[in-house]
N, C-alpha and C. Protein backbone atom coordinates (compact mmCIF):
# COMPACT_ATOMS: atom_id res chain seq x y z
N MET A 1 -8.31 -32.01 -23.06
CA MET A 1 -9.18 -30.92 -22.61
C MET A 1 -9.75 -31.21 -21.22
N ILE A 2 -10.22 -32.46 -21.07
CA ILE A 2 -10.79 -32.85 -19.77
C ILE A 2 -9.73 -32.75 -18.67
N GLY A 3 -8.49 -33.19 -19.03
CA GLY A 3 -7.40 -33.11 -18.05
C GLY A 3 -7.08 -31.68 -17.68
N ALA A 4 -7.08 -30.79 -18.66
CA ALA A 4 -6.80 -29.38 -18.40
C ALA A 4 -7.86 -28.77 -17.51
N VAL A 5 -9.10 -29.08 -17.78
CA VAL A 5 -10.20 -28.57 -16.95
C VAL A 5 -10.06 -29.07 -15.52
N ALA A 6 -9.69 -30.33 -15.39
CA ALA A 6 -9.53 -30.91 -14.06
C ALA A 6 -8.44 -30.19 -13.28
N VAL A 7 -7.33 -29.85 -13.98
CA VAL A 7 -6.24 -29.12 -13.33
C VAL A 7 -6.70 -27.75 -12.87
N VAL A 8 -7.44 -27.05 -13.73
CA VAL A 8 -7.94 -25.72 -13.38
C VAL A 8 -8.87 -25.79 -12.18
N VAL A 9 -9.76 -26.77 -12.18
CA VAL A 9 -10.69 -26.94 -11.06
C VAL A 9 -9.93 -27.23 -9.77
N ALA A 10 -8.92 -28.08 -9.88
CA ALA A 10 -8.13 -28.42 -8.69
C ALA A 10 -7.41 -27.19 -8.14
N LEU A 11 -6.82 -26.39 -9.05
CA LEU A 11 -6.12 -25.18 -8.62
C LEU A 11 -7.09 -24.20 -7.97
N ALA A 12 -8.27 -24.07 -8.58
CA ALA A 12 -9.27 -23.17 -8.01
C ALA A 12 -9.67 -23.61 -6.62
N ALA A 13 -9.81 -24.90 -6.44
CA ALA A 13 -10.18 -25.44 -5.13
C ALA A 13 -9.11 -25.13 -4.09
N VAL A 14 -7.84 -25.24 -4.52
CA VAL A 14 -6.74 -24.94 -3.61
C VAL A 14 -6.76 -23.48 -3.21
N VAL A 15 -6.94 -22.59 -4.21
CA VAL A 15 -6.96 -21.14 -3.94
C VAL A 15 -8.12 -20.78 -3.03
N ILE A 16 -9.31 -21.30 -3.32
CA ILE A 16 -10.47 -21.01 -2.49
C ILE A 16 -10.28 -21.55 -1.09
N GLY A 17 -9.73 -22.76 -1.00
CA GLY A 17 -9.50 -23.35 0.30
C GLY A 17 -8.54 -22.53 1.13
N PHE A 18 -7.48 -22.04 0.48
CA PHE A 18 -6.51 -21.21 1.19
C PHE A 18 -7.16 -19.91 1.67
N ALA A 19 -7.96 -19.29 0.78
CA ALA A 19 -8.62 -18.03 1.14
C ALA A 19 -9.56 -18.22 2.32
N LEU A 20 -10.34 -19.31 2.27
CA LEU A 20 -11.26 -19.58 3.38
C LEU A 20 -10.51 -19.87 4.67
N SER A 21 -9.39 -20.57 4.56
CA SER A 21 -8.58 -20.86 5.75
C SER A 21 -8.01 -19.59 6.33
N ARG A 22 -7.54 -18.70 5.43
CA ARG A 22 -6.98 -17.44 5.89
C ARG A 22 -8.04 -16.57 6.55
N GLU A 23 -9.23 -16.54 5.94
CA GLU A 23 -10.32 -15.75 6.51
C GLU A 23 -10.72 -16.29 7.88
N SER A 24 -10.75 -17.61 8.00
CA SER A 24 -11.09 -18.21 9.29
C SER A 24 -10.05 -17.86 10.34
N GLU A 25 -8.77 -17.86 9.93
CA GLU A 25 -7.70 -17.53 10.87
C GLU A 25 -7.81 -16.09 11.34
N VAL A 26 -8.08 -15.16 10.41
CA VAL A 26 -8.22 -13.75 10.77
C VAL A 26 -9.45 -13.54 11.64
N SER A 27 -10.57 -14.19 11.27
CA SER A 27 -11.81 -14.01 12.01
C SER A 27 -11.68 -14.46 13.46
N ALA A 28 -10.81 -15.42 13.70
CA ALA A 28 -10.63 -15.91 15.07
C ALA A 28 -10.13 -14.83 16.01
N TRP A 29 -9.53 -13.77 15.45
CA TRP A 29 -8.97 -12.70 16.28
C TRP A 29 -9.79 -11.42 16.17
N ARG A 30 -10.99 -11.50 15.62
CA ARG A 30 -11.87 -10.34 15.56
C ARG A 30 -12.86 -10.39 16.72
N PRO A 31 -12.97 -9.33 17.49
CA PRO A 31 -13.91 -9.35 18.62
C PRO A 31 -15.35 -9.41 18.13
N SER A 32 -16.19 -10.05 18.92
CA SER A 32 -17.61 -10.17 18.61
C SER A 32 -18.37 -10.28 19.93
N ASP A 33 -19.68 -10.26 19.83
CA ASP A 33 -20.49 -10.41 21.05
C ASP A 33 -20.21 -11.75 21.74
N ASP A 34 -19.87 -12.75 20.94
CA ASP A 34 -19.61 -14.07 21.50
C ASP A 34 -18.17 -14.24 21.97
N ASN A 35 -17.29 -13.38 21.50
CA ASN A 35 -15.87 -13.47 21.87
C ASN A 35 -15.33 -12.05 21.99
N ARG A 36 -15.62 -11.43 23.11
CA ARG A 36 -15.35 -10.01 23.27
C ARG A 36 -13.87 -9.67 23.36
N ASP A 37 -13.08 -10.60 23.82
CA ASP A 37 -11.64 -10.33 23.94
C ASP A 37 -10.83 -11.51 23.43
N PRO A 38 -10.67 -11.60 22.11
CA PRO A 38 -9.91 -12.73 21.54
C PRO A 38 -8.46 -12.77 22.01
N SER A 39 -7.93 -11.64 22.46
CA SER A 39 -6.52 -11.60 22.86
C SER A 39 -6.22 -12.50 24.05
N LEU A 40 -7.24 -12.87 24.80
CA LEU A 40 -7.01 -13.73 25.96
C LEU A 40 -6.51 -15.11 25.57
N ALA A 41 -6.65 -15.44 24.28
CA ALA A 41 -6.15 -16.73 23.78
C ALA A 41 -4.74 -16.62 23.22
N ILE A 42 -4.16 -15.42 23.25
CA ILE A 42 -2.80 -15.23 22.72
C ILE A 42 -1.80 -15.53 23.84
N PRO A 43 -0.91 -16.48 23.65
CA PRO A 43 0.09 -16.77 24.68
C PRO A 43 0.94 -15.54 25.00
N GLY A 44 1.08 -15.25 26.28
CA GLY A 44 1.94 -14.15 26.70
C GLY A 44 1.23 -12.85 27.01
N VAL A 45 -0.03 -12.73 26.63
CA VAL A 45 -0.78 -11.51 26.93
C VAL A 45 -1.05 -11.43 28.43
N ILE A 46 -0.79 -10.25 28.99
CA ILE A 46 -1.17 -10.00 30.38
C ILE A 46 -2.19 -8.88 30.41
N THR A 47 -3.04 -8.87 31.41
CA THR A 47 -4.12 -7.89 31.48
C THR A 47 -4.15 -7.23 32.85
N GLY A 48 -4.81 -6.09 32.91
CA GLY A 48 -5.00 -5.37 34.16
C GLY A 48 -6.24 -4.52 34.05
N GLN A 49 -6.78 -4.12 35.19
CA GLN A 49 -7.97 -3.27 35.23
C GLN A 49 -7.57 -1.86 35.65
N TYR A 50 -7.98 -0.87 34.85
CA TYR A 50 -7.63 0.52 35.14
C TYR A 50 -8.84 1.42 34.95
N ALA A 51 -8.97 2.38 35.86
CA ALA A 51 -10.02 3.38 35.72
C ALA A 51 -9.65 4.36 34.62
N GLY A 52 -10.63 4.81 33.88
CA GLY A 52 -10.39 5.77 32.82
C GLY A 52 -10.60 7.21 33.28
N GLN A 53 -10.24 8.15 32.40
CA GLN A 53 -10.51 9.58 32.57
C GLN A 53 -9.91 10.17 33.84
N GLN A 54 -8.72 9.70 34.18
CA GLN A 54 -7.95 10.32 35.26
C GLN A 54 -6.82 11.11 34.62
N HIS A 55 -6.92 12.42 34.62
CA HIS A 55 -6.01 13.25 33.85
C HIS A 55 -4.97 13.95 34.71
N VAL A 56 -3.78 14.12 34.15
CA VAL A 56 -2.71 14.89 34.78
C VAL A 56 -2.33 16.03 33.86
N THR A 57 -1.65 17.01 34.42
CA THR A 57 -1.21 18.15 33.62
C THR A 57 0.10 17.81 32.91
N ALA A 58 0.52 18.70 32.03
CA ALA A 58 1.75 18.49 31.27
C ALA A 58 2.97 18.49 32.17
N GLU A 59 2.85 19.07 33.37
CA GLU A 59 3.99 19.13 34.29
C GLU A 59 4.04 17.94 35.24
N GLN A 60 3.00 17.15 35.28
CA GLN A 60 2.93 16.05 36.23
C GLN A 60 3.47 14.75 35.64
N ARG A 61 3.97 13.89 36.52
CA ARG A 61 4.37 12.53 36.16
C ARG A 61 3.44 11.54 36.84
N VAL A 62 3.37 10.35 36.29
CA VAL A 62 2.59 9.27 36.89
C VAL A 62 3.54 8.15 37.29
N ALA A 63 3.33 7.62 38.49
CA ALA A 63 4.13 6.49 38.97
C ALA A 63 3.49 5.20 38.45
N TYR A 64 3.75 4.88 37.19
CA TYR A 64 3.10 3.74 36.56
C TYR A 64 3.57 2.42 37.18
N ASP A 65 2.67 1.43 37.11
CA ASP A 65 2.96 0.12 37.70
C ASP A 65 3.59 -0.84 36.69
N ARG A 66 3.64 -0.46 35.42
CA ARG A 66 4.24 -1.29 34.38
C ARG A 66 5.11 -0.42 33.49
N SER A 67 6.06 -1.06 32.81
CA SER A 67 6.92 -0.34 31.87
C SER A 67 7.07 -1.18 30.60
N PRO A 68 6.47 -0.73 29.50
CA PRO A 68 5.60 0.44 29.35
C PRO A 68 4.25 0.23 30.06
N PRO A 69 3.60 1.31 30.45
CA PRO A 69 2.27 1.18 31.06
C PRO A 69 1.21 0.89 30.00
N PHE A 70 0.10 0.32 30.44
CA PHE A 70 -0.99 0.08 29.50
C PHE A 70 -2.34 0.44 30.12
N GLY A 71 -2.30 1.47 30.95
CA GLY A 71 -3.51 2.00 31.56
C GLY A 71 -3.14 2.84 32.77
N GLY A 72 -4.14 3.56 33.30
CA GLY A 72 -3.90 4.38 34.46
C GLY A 72 -4.04 5.86 34.15
N PRO A 73 -3.75 6.72 35.13
CA PRO A 73 -3.80 8.17 34.90
C PRO A 73 -2.91 8.57 33.72
N HIS A 74 -3.28 9.64 33.06
CA HIS A 74 -2.56 10.02 31.84
C HIS A 74 -2.77 11.50 31.56
N ASP A 75 -1.96 12.01 30.64
CA ASP A 75 -2.07 13.42 30.27
C ASP A 75 -3.46 13.74 29.73
N ALA A 76 -3.90 14.97 29.93
CA ALA A 76 -5.22 15.37 29.45
C ALA A 76 -5.33 15.35 27.93
N TYR A 77 -4.18 15.36 27.24
CA TYR A 77 -4.20 15.34 25.78
C TYR A 77 -3.48 14.10 25.26
N TRP A 78 -4.12 13.45 24.33
CA TRP A 78 -3.60 12.19 23.81
C TRP A 78 -2.57 12.40 22.71
N ALA A 79 -1.69 11.43 22.57
CA ALA A 79 -0.75 11.42 21.45
C ALA A 79 -1.51 11.04 20.18
N ALA A 80 -1.16 11.68 19.08
CA ALA A 80 -1.76 11.29 17.81
C ALA A 80 -1.49 9.81 17.56
N CYS A 81 -2.55 9.07 17.25
CA CYS A 81 -2.41 7.62 17.09
C CYS A 81 -3.04 7.15 15.78
N ASN A 82 -2.99 8.02 14.78
CA ASN A 82 -3.57 7.71 13.48
C ASN A 82 -2.51 7.21 12.50
N GLY A 83 -1.86 6.12 12.90
CA GLY A 83 -0.84 5.52 12.04
C GLY A 83 0.51 6.19 12.11
N VAL A 84 0.81 6.82 13.26
CA VAL A 84 2.06 7.57 13.40
C VAL A 84 3.19 6.66 13.88
N VAL A 85 4.32 6.74 13.19
CA VAL A 85 5.54 6.08 13.63
C VAL A 85 6.47 7.18 14.15
N TYR A 86 6.55 7.32 15.45
CA TYR A 86 7.38 8.37 16.05
C TYR A 86 8.85 7.97 15.98
N PRO A 87 9.71 8.85 15.48
CA PRO A 87 11.13 8.51 15.38
C PRO A 87 11.87 8.64 16.70
N THR A 88 11.28 9.36 17.65
CA THR A 88 11.92 9.58 18.95
C THR A 88 10.96 9.16 20.06
N PRO A 89 11.50 8.85 21.24
CA PRO A 89 10.64 8.44 22.36
C PRO A 89 9.69 9.57 22.77
N VAL A 90 8.46 9.22 23.09
CA VAL A 90 7.40 10.18 23.39
C VAL A 90 6.98 10.05 24.85
N ARG A 91 6.58 11.17 25.43
CA ARG A 91 6.14 11.19 26.83
C ARG A 91 5.07 10.13 27.06
N THR A 92 5.31 9.30 28.05
CA THR A 92 4.46 8.15 28.31
C THR A 92 3.03 8.55 28.64
N GLU A 93 2.86 9.61 29.41
CA GLU A 93 1.52 10.01 29.84
C GLU A 93 0.61 10.34 28.66
N ASN A 94 1.18 10.86 27.58
CA ASN A 94 0.37 11.13 26.39
C ASN A 94 0.03 9.85 25.64
N MET A 95 0.98 8.94 25.58
CA MET A 95 0.75 7.68 24.87
C MET A 95 -0.35 6.86 25.55
N VAL A 96 -0.37 6.86 26.87
CA VAL A 96 -1.38 6.09 27.59
C VAL A 96 -2.78 6.62 27.31
N HIS A 97 -2.91 7.94 27.16
CA HIS A 97 -4.24 8.49 26.84
C HIS A 97 -4.75 7.93 25.51
N SER A 98 -3.86 7.74 24.55
CA SER A 98 -4.28 7.19 23.26
C SER A 98 -4.81 5.76 23.41
N LEU A 99 -4.25 5.01 24.34
CA LEU A 99 -4.77 3.66 24.60
C LEU A 99 -6.21 3.74 25.08
N GLU A 100 -6.52 4.75 25.85
CA GLU A 100 -7.89 4.93 26.35
C GLU A 100 -8.87 5.14 25.20
N HIS A 101 -8.36 5.62 24.06
CA HIS A 101 -9.19 5.86 22.88
C HIS A 101 -9.30 4.64 21.97
N GLY A 102 -8.68 3.54 22.37
CA GLY A 102 -8.79 2.31 21.58
C GLY A 102 -7.60 2.02 20.69
N ALA A 103 -6.48 2.75 20.89
CA ALA A 103 -5.31 2.55 20.05
C ALA A 103 -4.45 1.38 20.55
N VAL A 104 -3.66 0.85 19.63
CA VAL A 104 -2.59 -0.11 19.96
C VAL A 104 -1.26 0.62 19.80
N TRP A 105 -0.40 0.48 20.79
CA TRP A 105 0.91 1.13 20.79
C TRP A 105 1.99 0.06 20.71
N ILE A 106 2.79 0.14 19.66
CA ILE A 106 3.96 -0.74 19.53
C ILE A 106 5.17 0.03 20.03
N ALA A 107 5.74 -0.42 21.13
CA ALA A 107 6.97 0.15 21.67
C ALA A 107 8.12 -0.80 21.38
N TYR A 108 9.29 -0.26 21.17
CA TYR A 108 10.44 -1.13 20.90
C TYR A 108 11.70 -0.56 21.53
N ASN A 109 12.62 -1.45 21.87
CA ASN A 109 13.90 -1.05 22.42
C ASN A 109 14.82 -0.63 21.28
N PRO A 110 15.19 0.64 21.19
CA PRO A 110 16.00 1.10 20.04
C PRO A 110 17.40 0.49 20.00
N ASP A 111 17.85 -0.09 21.12
CA ASP A 111 19.16 -0.75 21.13
C ASP A 111 19.08 -2.17 20.60
N GLN A 112 17.86 -2.70 20.45
CA GLN A 112 17.69 -4.09 20.05
C GLN A 112 16.92 -4.27 18.73
N VAL A 113 16.21 -3.26 18.31
CA VAL A 113 15.39 -3.36 17.09
C VAL A 113 15.82 -2.29 16.11
N SER A 114 16.23 -2.71 14.91
CA SER A 114 16.65 -1.77 13.87
C SER A 114 16.55 -2.48 12.52
N GLY A 115 16.87 -1.77 11.45
CA GLY A 115 16.93 -2.37 10.12
C GLY A 115 15.63 -3.02 9.69
N PRO A 116 15.69 -4.22 9.11
CA PRO A 116 14.49 -4.90 8.62
C PRO A 116 13.43 -5.13 9.69
N ALA A 117 13.86 -5.44 10.91
CA ALA A 117 12.89 -5.66 11.98
C ALA A 117 12.10 -4.38 12.26
N LEU A 118 12.78 -3.26 12.28
CA LEU A 118 12.12 -1.98 12.52
C LEU A 118 11.16 -1.66 11.37
N GLN A 119 11.56 -1.94 10.15
CA GLN A 119 10.70 -1.71 8.99
C GLN A 119 9.47 -2.59 9.03
N THR A 120 9.64 -3.83 9.48
CA THR A 120 8.50 -4.75 9.59
C THR A 120 7.47 -4.22 10.57
N LEU A 121 7.92 -3.72 11.71
CA LEU A 121 7.00 -3.16 12.69
C LEU A 121 6.33 -1.90 12.16
N ALA A 122 7.11 -1.02 11.54
CA ALA A 122 6.56 0.24 11.03
C ALA A 122 5.48 -0.01 9.99
N ALA A 123 5.65 -1.05 9.18
CA ALA A 123 4.66 -1.36 8.14
C ALA A 123 3.31 -1.75 8.74
N LYS A 124 3.30 -2.21 9.98
CA LYS A 124 2.06 -2.59 10.64
C LYS A 124 1.32 -1.38 11.19
N VAL A 125 1.99 -0.22 11.20
CA VAL A 125 1.45 0.98 11.82
C VAL A 125 1.12 2.05 10.78
N GLN A 126 2.01 2.28 9.84
CA GLN A 126 1.85 3.38 8.90
C GLN A 126 0.53 3.29 8.15
N GLY A 127 -0.24 4.37 8.21
CA GLY A 127 -1.52 4.42 7.53
C GLY A 127 -2.64 3.68 8.22
N GLN A 128 -2.40 3.13 9.38
CA GLN A 128 -3.41 2.37 10.12
C GLN A 128 -3.93 3.20 11.30
N ASP A 129 -5.15 3.65 11.20
CA ASP A 129 -5.72 4.46 12.27
C ASP A 129 -5.79 3.67 13.57
N TYR A 130 -5.72 4.37 14.68
CA TYR A 130 -5.72 3.79 16.02
C TYR A 130 -4.53 2.85 16.22
N THR A 131 -3.40 3.24 15.64
CA THR A 131 -2.15 2.51 15.82
C THR A 131 -1.03 3.53 15.90
N MET A 132 -0.03 3.26 16.74
CA MET A 132 1.12 4.17 16.87
C MET A 132 2.32 3.36 17.30
N MET A 133 3.49 3.93 17.10
CA MET A 133 4.74 3.21 17.39
C MET A 133 5.80 4.21 17.81
N SER A 134 6.62 3.80 18.77
CA SER A 134 7.69 4.69 19.21
C SER A 134 8.79 3.89 19.87
N PRO A 135 10.03 4.42 19.85
CA PRO A 135 11.09 3.81 20.65
C PRO A 135 10.80 3.99 22.14
N TYR A 136 11.26 3.03 22.94
CA TYR A 136 11.06 3.08 24.38
C TYR A 136 12.36 2.65 25.04
N PRO A 137 13.24 3.62 25.33
CA PRO A 137 14.55 3.28 25.89
C PRO A 137 14.45 2.48 27.19
N GLY A 138 15.31 1.47 27.31
CA GLY A 138 15.34 0.67 28.52
C GLY A 138 14.31 -0.44 28.57
N LEU A 139 13.56 -0.63 27.50
CA LEU A 139 12.56 -1.70 27.47
C LEU A 139 13.23 -3.05 27.73
N ASP A 140 12.61 -3.88 28.58
CA ASP A 140 13.24 -5.13 28.98
C ASP A 140 13.10 -6.25 27.96
N GLN A 141 12.35 -6.01 26.88
CA GLN A 141 12.25 -6.93 25.75
C GLN A 141 12.42 -6.11 24.47
N PRO A 142 12.75 -6.73 23.37
CA PRO A 142 12.89 -5.94 22.14
C PRO A 142 11.61 -5.20 21.74
N ILE A 143 10.45 -5.84 21.94
CA ILE A 143 9.17 -5.28 21.48
C ILE A 143 8.13 -5.45 22.57
N SER A 144 7.26 -4.44 22.70
CA SER A 144 6.14 -4.54 23.62
C SER A 144 4.92 -3.88 22.99
N LEU A 145 3.81 -4.61 22.96
CA LEU A 145 2.55 -4.10 22.44
C LEU A 145 1.63 -3.77 23.60
N GLN A 146 0.97 -2.61 23.51
CA GLN A 146 0.04 -2.18 24.54
C GLN A 146 -1.30 -1.78 23.92
N SER A 147 -2.37 -2.18 24.55
CA SER A 147 -3.68 -1.57 24.37
C SER A 147 -4.22 -1.36 25.78
N TRP A 148 -5.36 -0.69 25.91
CA TRP A 148 -5.85 -0.40 27.26
C TRP A 148 -6.10 -1.71 28.01
N GLY A 149 -5.38 -1.89 29.12
CA GLY A 149 -5.55 -3.07 29.95
C GLY A 149 -4.89 -4.33 29.43
N HIS A 150 -4.04 -4.22 28.39
CA HIS A 150 -3.42 -5.40 27.78
C HIS A 150 -1.98 -5.10 27.39
N GLU A 151 -1.13 -6.13 27.51
CA GLU A 151 0.26 -5.99 27.09
C GLU A 151 0.79 -7.34 26.60
N LEU A 152 1.68 -7.26 25.62
CA LEU A 152 2.34 -8.46 25.10
C LEU A 152 3.77 -8.09 24.75
N LYS A 153 4.74 -8.75 25.40
CA LYS A 153 6.15 -8.50 25.13
C LYS A 153 6.72 -9.62 24.28
N LEU A 154 7.54 -9.24 23.28
CA LEU A 154 8.02 -10.18 22.27
C LEU A 154 9.47 -9.91 21.93
N ALA A 155 10.09 -10.87 21.27
CA ALA A 155 11.48 -10.73 20.84
C ALA A 155 11.63 -10.60 19.33
N ASP A 156 10.61 -10.99 18.56
CA ASP A 156 10.74 -11.12 17.11
C ASP A 156 9.68 -10.29 16.40
N ALA A 157 10.11 -9.41 15.50
CA ALA A 157 9.18 -8.56 14.76
C ALA A 157 8.29 -9.36 13.82
N ASN A 158 8.65 -10.60 13.52
CA ASN A 158 7.85 -11.45 12.64
C ASN A 158 6.95 -12.41 13.41
N ASP A 159 6.86 -12.25 14.71
CA ASP A 159 6.02 -13.11 15.53
C ASP A 159 4.56 -12.91 15.13
N PRO A 160 3.83 -13.97 14.78
CA PRO A 160 2.43 -13.82 14.35
C PRO A 160 1.52 -13.26 15.43
N ARG A 161 1.96 -13.30 16.67
CA ARG A 161 1.13 -12.78 17.75
C ARG A 161 0.95 -11.26 17.66
N ILE A 162 1.85 -10.58 16.95
CA ILE A 162 1.70 -9.14 16.77
C ILE A 162 0.41 -8.83 16.03
N ASP A 163 0.20 -9.49 14.90
CA ASP A 163 -1.02 -9.28 14.12
C ASP A 163 -2.25 -9.74 14.89
N GLN A 164 -2.12 -10.81 15.65
CA GLN A 164 -3.25 -11.30 16.45
C GLN A 164 -3.65 -10.26 17.50
N PHE A 165 -2.65 -9.67 18.16
CA PHE A 165 -2.90 -8.66 19.18
C PHE A 165 -3.61 -7.46 18.57
N ILE A 166 -3.09 -6.98 17.44
CA ILE A 166 -3.68 -5.80 16.80
C ILE A 166 -5.11 -6.09 16.36
N SER A 167 -5.35 -7.24 15.73
CA SER A 167 -6.70 -7.59 15.28
C SER A 167 -7.66 -7.71 16.45
N SER A 168 -7.18 -8.22 17.56
CA SER A 168 -8.03 -8.45 18.72
C SER A 168 -8.39 -7.18 19.46
N LEU A 169 -7.48 -6.21 19.48
CA LEU A 169 -7.63 -5.12 20.44
C LEU A 169 -7.71 -3.71 19.86
N ARG A 170 -7.28 -3.50 18.65
CA ARG A 170 -7.40 -2.16 18.08
C ARG A 170 -8.88 -1.84 17.87
N GLN A 171 -9.34 -0.76 18.52
CA GLN A 171 -10.74 -0.34 18.44
C GLN A 171 -11.71 -1.46 18.85
N ASN A 172 -11.28 -2.28 19.79
CA ASN A 172 -12.18 -3.30 20.35
C ASN A 172 -13.10 -2.63 21.36
N GLN A 173 -14.34 -2.44 20.97
CA GLN A 173 -15.28 -1.66 21.79
C GLN A 173 -15.52 -2.24 23.17
N TYR A 174 -15.15 -3.49 23.37
CA TYR A 174 -15.40 -4.15 24.65
C TYR A 174 -14.26 -3.96 25.65
N THR A 175 -13.14 -3.38 25.22
CA THR A 175 -11.96 -3.41 26.09
C THR A 175 -11.38 -2.05 26.46
N PHE A 176 -11.92 -0.95 25.93
CA PHE A 176 -11.35 0.35 26.28
C PHE A 176 -12.46 1.33 26.66
N PRO A 177 -12.13 2.38 27.45
CA PRO A 177 -13.18 3.21 28.05
C PRO A 177 -13.89 4.17 27.10
N GLU A 178 -13.20 4.76 26.14
CA GLU A 178 -13.77 5.89 25.39
C GLU A 178 -14.04 5.50 23.94
N VAL A 179 -15.06 4.72 23.74
CA VAL A 179 -15.44 4.29 22.39
C VAL A 179 -15.89 5.51 21.58
N GLY A 180 -15.34 5.63 20.37
CA GLY A 180 -15.69 6.75 19.50
C GLY A 180 -14.76 7.94 19.61
N ALA A 181 -13.81 7.91 20.56
CA ALA A 181 -12.88 9.03 20.71
C ALA A 181 -11.88 9.04 19.56
N SER A 182 -11.39 10.23 19.24
CA SER A 182 -10.52 10.43 18.08
C SER A 182 -9.07 10.05 18.37
N CYS A 183 -8.34 9.75 17.29
CA CYS A 183 -6.90 9.56 17.39
C CYS A 183 -6.13 10.71 16.73
N ASP A 184 -6.84 11.68 16.18
CA ASP A 184 -6.19 12.82 15.55
C ASP A 184 -5.72 13.80 16.62
N ALA A 185 -4.60 14.47 16.35
CA ALA A 185 -4.13 15.51 17.25
C ALA A 185 -5.11 16.68 17.24
N LEU A 186 -5.28 17.34 18.39
CA LEU A 186 -6.25 18.42 18.49
C LEU A 186 -5.82 19.68 17.76
N GLY A 187 -4.51 19.91 17.63
CA GLY A 187 -4.05 21.11 16.96
C GLY A 187 -3.03 21.87 17.80
N PRO A 188 -2.61 23.04 17.33
CA PRO A 188 -1.58 23.82 18.03
C PRO A 188 -1.96 24.09 19.49
N GLY A 189 -0.98 23.95 20.34
CA GLY A 189 -1.21 24.20 21.76
C GLY A 189 -1.60 22.97 22.54
N TYR A 190 -1.81 21.85 21.86
CA TYR A 190 -2.20 20.62 22.54
C TYR A 190 -1.06 19.60 22.42
N PHE A 191 -1.21 18.63 21.54
CA PHE A 191 -0.14 17.66 21.29
C PHE A 191 0.30 17.82 19.85
N ASP A 192 1.59 18.07 19.65
CA ASP A 192 2.13 18.27 18.32
C ASP A 192 2.86 17.00 17.89
N PRO A 193 2.30 16.21 16.97
CA PRO A 193 2.97 14.97 16.56
C PRO A 193 4.29 15.19 15.86
N GLY A 194 4.50 16.40 15.33
CA GLY A 194 5.78 16.71 14.70
C GLY A 194 6.85 17.10 15.70
N ASN A 195 6.43 17.46 16.90
CA ASN A 195 7.36 17.83 17.97
C ASN A 195 6.75 17.40 19.31
N PRO A 196 6.64 16.09 19.52
CA PRO A 196 5.94 15.60 20.71
C PRO A 196 6.75 15.83 21.98
N PRO A 197 6.07 15.90 23.13
CA PRO A 197 6.81 16.00 24.40
C PRO A 197 7.69 14.77 24.58
N PRO A 198 8.92 14.96 25.04
CA PRO A 198 9.87 13.85 25.08
C PRO A 198 9.63 12.88 26.23
N PHE A 199 10.06 11.67 26.02
CA PHE A 199 10.05 10.62 27.03
C PHE A 199 10.99 10.99 28.17
N ASP A 200 10.58 10.72 29.39
CA ASP A 200 11.40 10.98 30.58
C ASP A 200 11.75 9.65 31.22
N ALA A 201 13.02 9.28 31.14
CA ALA A 201 13.46 7.98 31.65
C ALA A 201 13.79 8.00 33.14
N SER A 202 13.77 9.17 33.76
CA SER A 202 14.13 9.25 35.17
C SER A 202 13.01 8.69 36.04
N PRO A 203 13.34 8.22 37.25
CA PRO A 203 12.30 7.71 38.15
C PRO A 203 11.27 8.80 38.46
N PRO A 204 9.99 8.42 38.65
CA PRO A 204 8.98 9.42 39.01
C PRO A 204 9.34 10.11 40.31
N PRO A 205 9.07 11.40 40.44
CA PRO A 205 9.39 12.12 41.67
C PRO A 205 8.45 11.72 42.80
N PRO A 206 8.76 12.11 44.04
CA PRO A 206 7.91 11.74 45.19
C PRO A 206 6.47 12.23 45.06
N ASP A 207 6.25 13.32 44.34
CA ASP A 207 4.90 13.85 44.22
C ASP A 207 4.18 13.35 42.96
N ALA A 208 4.70 12.29 42.34
CA ALA A 208 4.06 11.75 41.15
C ALA A 208 2.65 11.25 41.46
N VAL A 209 1.79 11.35 40.47
CA VAL A 209 0.42 10.85 40.61
C VAL A 209 0.46 9.33 40.72
N THR A 210 -0.29 8.79 41.66
CA THR A 210 -0.30 7.35 41.88
C THR A 210 -1.31 6.67 40.95
N MET A 211 -1.24 5.35 40.89
CA MET A 211 -2.08 4.62 39.96
C MET A 211 -3.57 4.69 40.32
N ASP A 212 -3.89 5.02 41.55
CA ASP A 212 -5.29 5.18 41.92
C ASP A 212 -5.79 6.60 41.67
N GLY A 213 -4.93 7.44 41.06
CA GLY A 213 -5.33 8.78 40.68
C GLY A 213 -5.08 9.85 41.71
N ARG A 214 -4.49 9.50 42.84
CA ARG A 214 -4.22 10.53 43.85
C ARG A 214 -3.22 11.55 43.31
N GLY A 215 -3.60 12.79 43.40
CA GLY A 215 -2.73 13.86 42.90
C GLY A 215 -3.05 14.27 41.48
N ALA A 216 -4.00 13.59 40.83
CA ALA A 216 -4.35 13.93 39.45
C ALA A 216 -5.08 15.28 39.43
N ALA A 217 -4.83 16.02 38.37
CA ALA A 217 -5.48 17.31 38.20
C ALA A 217 -6.51 17.20 37.09
N ALA A 218 -7.59 17.89 37.22
CA ALA A 218 -8.62 17.86 36.17
C ALA A 218 -8.08 18.46 34.91
N GLY A 219 -8.34 17.82 33.78
CA GLY A 219 -7.88 18.34 32.49
C GLY A 219 -9.03 18.49 31.53
N ASN A 220 -8.74 19.06 30.38
CA ASN A 220 -9.78 19.34 29.40
C ASN A 220 -9.74 18.38 28.22
N GLY A 221 -8.87 17.38 28.27
CA GLY A 221 -8.77 16.46 27.14
C GLY A 221 -9.92 15.46 27.15
N GLY A 222 -9.93 14.62 26.12
CA GLY A 222 -11.01 13.65 25.99
C GLY A 222 -10.68 12.32 26.63
């Protein structure tokens, strides 16, 4: 009896120890007043500074400085980012607006990511508010994660840095301009998540809006 009790106590200690270790690991990637941007400790993360609330019309393009972009002028209406896995590439200017609202965008190269890897990524997005995913043709890495002012490019859908990035930056009030903004689509006539504006892979035209906002038109989006 004493031996059996000892075994149970030992197992309980192992389980509790594992749970506490796991909680400590997750907490390390949660933003706080003392650690406002945990993502800065993730190897491979790059950052940039971008002004918010610079809107373009549905007919305008932006000459982004990164591919995929993770900040800068954007469409007046945001892409739905309430756990949507888009099956087709979506207009970049709409996706960037969602980053301004605190979303994390998982982009992937459809020529390099499929099958189980694609399912693994989708499982991190489906049903998770302030998260979205879409194919991004021509991406120079299999996977790229974006939040406002942050990017991480990866080769493996099972890389633990994906979860670290999401925990650090999704709805991180210290890192994006429009705290409290919605990720839901506004409704008919705005952005339709069932029929989103398509991605344009062609080079930006000469009259494209520049990264400092020159040429941007005032919009009514959030």
